[in-house]
């Protein structure tokens, strides 16, 4: 039995569903993926990427990053697919790492009988590498949406259309759903459909930026839980 439980100051009793972003929210992504892109761009395309410049772009949709970093036409779907396939072929060599107590936080959400979903802008083939390091499988989640499931990207609120359909099947309204993400794009998209939002300060957006936008935030997903008083 886990010695952790949800911090109900952050996940109130009115929360009927919890949906999270994945990259830099549940797993630390930026360091591993920046190194991966630097290697792939140089090895396969003769392009030198600079970490500092890449970090300025971080948080934008994947298709925009690939178009800019690999110098391809955003409308060229064939070129995009080829680059993406090449990049993903190295994902097993550049594994993401779960944030401290990420698994315990997810377990606490499930233990509270709150449906647990994920909406991420990453492709499904990339996420499967992450399940091993987190220690879960696809069936662990009640809902899992990737970039393969919609052509819309955050901050467009329509990115949540499939998730809202799933929530409706559970009889859950958007206003009773808590979404967690690491960027202002996550916040704008979630706010646009009426989700409650909680930011995590684990990547490109810090507390002052969330605060200025009117969003609550915490340091990391592990702050969602606390030790049980009777343990």
Protein backbone atom coordinates (compact mmCIF):
# COMPACT_ATOMS: atom_id res chain seq x y z
CA UNK A 1 0.00 0.00 0.00
CA UNK A 2 1.31 3.44 -0.93
CA UNK A 3 2.38 5.81 1.81
CA UNK A 4 1.25 8.78 -0.30
CA UNK A 5 -2.11 10.42 -0.91
CA UNK A 6 -3.34 13.34 -2.99
CA UNK A 7 -2.88 16.84 -1.66
CA UNK A 8 -6.50 17.92 -1.79
CA UNK A 9 -5.52 21.58 -1.71
CA UNK A 10 -4.21 21.05 -5.24
CA UNK A 11 -6.63 18.35 -6.42
CA UNK A 12 -9.94 19.36 -4.82
CA UNK A 13 -12.77 16.92 -4.15
CA UNK A 14 -14.73 18.50 -7.01
CA UNK A 15 -12.19 17.08 -9.49
CA UNK A 16 -13.94 14.32 -11.44
CA UNK A 17 -11.15 13.73 -14.00
CA UNK A 18 -7.44 14.45 -14.13
CA UNK A 19 -5.77 14.96 -17.50
CA UNK A 20 -2.08 15.73 -17.92
CA UNK A 21 0.36 16.77 -20.56
CA UNK A 22 3.19 14.24 -20.81
CA UNK A 23 6.51 15.74 -21.86
CA UNK A 24 8.13 17.89 -19.18
CA UNK A 25 5.06 17.27 -17.02
CA UNK A 26 5.24 13.56 -16.15
CA UNK A 27 8.65 12.89 -17.71
CA UNK A 28 11.63 15.17 -18.15
CA UNK A 29 11.97 15.62 -21.88
CA UNK A 30 13.88 18.72 -22.84
CA UNK A 31 17.44 17.58 -22.01
CA UNK A 32 17.19 14.15 -23.67
CA UNK A 33 15.35 15.36 -26.76
CA UNK A 34 17.59 18.39 -27.34
CA UNK A 35 20.61 16.06 -27.32
CA UNK A 36 18.78 13.67 -29.64
CA UNK A 37 17.94 16.36 -32.19
CA UNK A 38 21.46 17.79 -32.11
CA UNK A 39 22.87 14.35 -32.92
CA UNK A 40 20.31 13.47 -35.63
CA UNK A 41 20.53 16.86 -37.34
CA UNK A 42 24.31 16.67 -37.54
CA UNK A 43 24.63 12.98 -38.43
CA UNK A 44 21.87 12.74 -41.04
CA UNK A 45 21.39 16.26 -42.38
CA UNK A 46 24.65 18.09 -41.78
CA UNK A 47 22.86 20.70 -39.68
CA UNK A 48 24.42 22.12 -36.53
CA UNK A 49 21.83 22.91 -33.88
CA UNK A 50 22.65 25.07 -30.88
CA UNK A 51 21.15 24.13 -27.52
CA UNK A 52 20.58 27.74 -26.44
CA UNK A 53 18.61 28.54 -29.59
CA UNK A 54 16.62 25.32 -29.35
CA UNK A 55 15.58 26.11 -25.79
CA UNK A 56 14.06 29.37 -26.98
CA UNK A 57 11.83 27.34 -29.30
CA UNK A 58 10.96 24.68 -26.74
CA UNK A 59 7.25 24.29 -26.06
CA UNK A 60 6.16 24.91 -29.65
CA UNK A 61 4.34 22.09 -31.52
CA UNK A 62 6.63 19.33 -32.78
CA UNK A 63 5.86 19.98 -36.45
CA UNK A 64 7.00 23.61 -36.04
CA UNK A 65 10.22 22.57 -34.34
CA UNK A 66 11.10 20.03 -37.02
CA UNK A 67 10.32 22.48 -39.82
CA UNK A 68 12.61 25.10 -38.28
CA UNK A 69 15.41 22.91 -36.99
CA UNK A 70 15.67 20.70 -40.08
CA UNK A 71 15.02 23.53 -42.54
CA UNK A 72 12.05 21.99 -44.35
CA UNK A 73 8.85 23.44 -45.73
CA UNK A 74 6.12 23.06 -43.05
CA UNK A 75 3.70 22.04 -45.80
CA UNK A 76 5.97 19.26 -47.08
CA UNK A 77 4.40 16.28 -45.31
CA UNK A 78 6.77 13.81 -46.98
CA UNK A 79 9.86 15.61 -45.73
CA UNK A 80 8.33 16.00 -42.26
CA UNK A 81 7.49 12.29 -42.08
CA UNK A 82 11.00 11.31 -43.18
CA UNK A 83 12.69 13.52 -40.60
CA UNK A 84 10.30 12.43 -37.84
CA UNK A 85 10.90 8.74 -38.63
CA UNK A 86 14.66 9.31 -38.48
CA UNK A 87 14.43 11.19 -35.19
CA UNK A 88 12.18 8.57 -33.59
CA UNK A 89 14.52 5.77 -34.60
CA UNK A 90 16.95 7.07 -31.96
CA UNK A 91 14.43 7.55 -29.13
CA UNK A 92 15.57 4.39 -27.38
CA UNK A 93 19.04 5.90 -27.06
CA UNK A 94 17.82 9.17 -25.55
CA UNK A 95 15.37 8.09 -22.88
CA UNK A 96 13.34 10.58 -20.90
CA UNK A 97 13.24 10.31 -17.13
CA UNK A 98 10.19 10.55 -14.89
CA UNK A 99 10.17 13.42 -12.44
CA UNK A 100 10.58 12.50 -8.75
CA UNK A 101 7.43 10.84 -7.38
CA UNK A 102 5.69 11.02 -10.78
CA UNK A 103 4.59 7.40 -10.55
CA UNK A 104 3.42 7.84 -6.95
CA UNK A 105 1.38 10.89 -7.98
CA UNK A 106 -0.28 8.98 -10.82
CA UNK A 107 -0.98 6.06 -8.48
CA UNK A 108 -2.55 8.43 -5.94
CA UNK A 109 -4.89 9.83 -8.61
CA UNK A 110 -6.00 6.34 -9.55
CA UNK A 111 -6.36 5.33 -5.89
CA UNK A 112 -8.75 8.26 -5.46
CA UNK A 113 -10.93 6.77 -8.24
CA UNK A 114 -10.34 9.79 -10.47
CA UNK A 115 -10.25 8.91 -14.20
CA UNK A 116 -6.74 9.58 -15.47
CA UNK A 117 -5.99 10.79 -18.99
CA UNK A 118 -3.09 12.20 -20.99
CA UNK A 119 -3.16 14.68 -23.88
CA UNK A 120 0.27 15.15 -25.42
CA UNK A 121 1.66 16.68 -28.59
CA UNK A 122 4.19 13.85 -28.95
CA UNK A 123 3.67 11.00 -31.44
CA UNK A 124 2.52 7.66 -30.09
CA UNK A 125 5.66 5.82 -31.28
CA UNK A 126 7.81 8.08 -29.11
CA UNK A 127 5.70 7.66 -25.98
CA UNK A 128 6.07 3.88 -25.87
CA UNK A 129 9.71 4.30 -24.92
CA UNK A 130 8.58 6.31 -21.89
CA UNK A 131 6.31 3.65 -20.43
CA UNK A 132 9.31 1.54 -19.45
CA UNK A 133 11.01 4.30 -17.48
CA UNK A 134 7.80 5.33 -15.71
CA UNK A 135 6.86 1.74 -15.01
CA UNK A 136 3.40 1.78 -16.57
CA UNK A 137 1.78 0.48 -19.73
CA UNK A 138 -0.84 1.95 -22.06
CA UNK A 139 -3.64 0.18 -20.18
CA UNK A 140 -2.67 2.02 -16.98
CA UNK A 141 -4.40 5.14 -18.25
CA UNK A 142 -8.11 5.61 -18.82
CA UNK A 143 -7.40 7.83 -21.83
CA UNK A 144 -4.25 8.57 -23.82
CA UNK A 145 -4.23 11.07 -26.72
CA UNK A 146 -1.15 11.79 -28.84
CA UNK A 147 -0.41 13.92 -31.88
CA UNK A 148 -1.52 10.96 -34.02
CA UNK A 149 -5.09 11.44 -32.80
CA UNK A 150 -5.66 15.02 -33.96
CA UNK A 151 -4.26 17.52 -36.45
CA UNK A 152 -4.81 20.35 -33.95
CA UNK A 153 -2.10 21.53 -31.58
CA UNK A 154 -2.01 23.56 -28.38
CA UNK A 155 -2.71 26.43 -27.75
CA UNK A 156 -5.77 25.76 -29.96
CA UNK A 157 -8.50 24.56 -27.56
CA UNK A 158 -9.83 22.23 -30.26
CA UNK A 159 -6.92 19.92 -29.45
CA UNK A 160 -9.08 18.74 -26.55
CA UNK A 161 -12.09 17.80 -28.70
CA UNK A 162 -11.36 14.03 -28.57
CA UNK A 163 -10.70 14.21 -24.83
CA UNK A 164 -13.94 16.10 -24.21
CA UNK A 165 -15.79 13.39 -26.13
CA UNK A 166 -14.22 10.79 -23.83
CA UNK A 167 -15.12 12.84 -20.76
CA UNK A 168 -18.71 13.20 -21.95
CA UNK A 169 -18.95 9.42 -22.20
CA UNK A 170 -18.02 9.31 -18.52
CA UNK A 171 -20.58 11.98 -17.67
CA UNK A 172 -17.85 14.47 -16.74
CA UNK A 173 -18.09 18.15 -17.65
CA UNK A 174 -15.00 20.19 -18.63
CA UNK A 175 -15.33 22.41 -15.55
CA UNK A 176 -14.87 19.33 -13.36
CA UNK A 177 -11.67 18.35 -15.15
CA UNK A 178 -8.19 19.37 -13.96
CA UNK A 179 -5.50 19.63 -16.64
CA UNK A 180 -1.81 19.83 -15.78
CA UNK A 181 0.85 21.12 -18.15
CA UNK A 182 4.24 22.81 -18.27
CA UNK A 183 3.63 25.66 -20.75
CA UNK A 184 1.37 28.64 -21.29
CA UNK A 185 0.16 26.92 -24.46
CA UNK A 186 -1.18 24.17 -22.19
CA UNK A 187 -2.91 26.80 -20.07
CA UNK A 188 -4.46 28.69 -22.97
CA UNK A 189 -5.79 25.49 -24.56
CA UNK A 190 -7.19 24.18 -21.28
CA UNK A 191 -8.72 27.51 -20.32
CA UNK A 192 -10.34 27.72 -23.76
CA UNK A 193 -12.47 24.64 -23.07
CA UNK A 194 -13.22 25.39 -19.44
CA UNK A 195 -10.79 22.97 -17.81
CA UNK A 196 -9.29 23.90 -14.47
CA UNK A 197 -5.52 24.21 -14.85
CA UNK A 198 -2.44 23.59 -12.78
CA UNK A 199 0.98 24.40 -14.18
CA UNK A 200 4.24 22.65 -13.41
CA UNK A 201 7.46 24.66 -13.40
CA UNK A 202 9.61 21.91 -14.90
CA UNK A 203 10.53 23.25 -18.34
CA UNK A 204 10.19 26.52 -20.22
CA UNK A 205 7.62 28.27 -18.02
CA UNK A 206 8.36 29.39 -14.47
CA UNK A 207 6.16 30.56 -11.61
CA UNK A 208 6.23 34.29 -12.54
CA UNK A 209 5.14 33.49 -16.11
CA UNK A 210 2.27 31.29 -14.95
CA UNK A 211 1.28 33.89 -12.34
CA UNK A 212 1.29 36.72 -14.89
CA UNK A 213 -1.06 34.69 -17.10
CA UNK A 214 -3.40 34.03 -14.19
CA UNK A 215 -2.51 30.34 -13.80
CA UNK A 216 -1.71 28.47 -10.61
CA UNK A 217 1.46 26.36 -10.68
CA UNK A 218 3.57 24.01 -8.58
CA UNK A 219 7.21 22.98 -8.79
CA UNK A 220 6.65 19.45 -10.12
CA UNK A 221 4.08 16.68 -10.39
CA UNK A 222 5.41 15.19 -7.16
CA UNK A 223 3.92 18.14 -5.26
CA UNK A 224 0.47 16.68 -5.96
CA UNK A 225 0.97 14.17 -3.18
CA UNK A 226 1.78 14.16 0.50
CA UNK A 227 2.65 11.43 2.95
CA UNK A 228 -0.31 9.87 4.70
CA UNK A 229 -0.55 11.04 8.26
CA UNK A 230 -1.23 7.53 9.52
CA UNK A 231 1.68 5.88 7.69
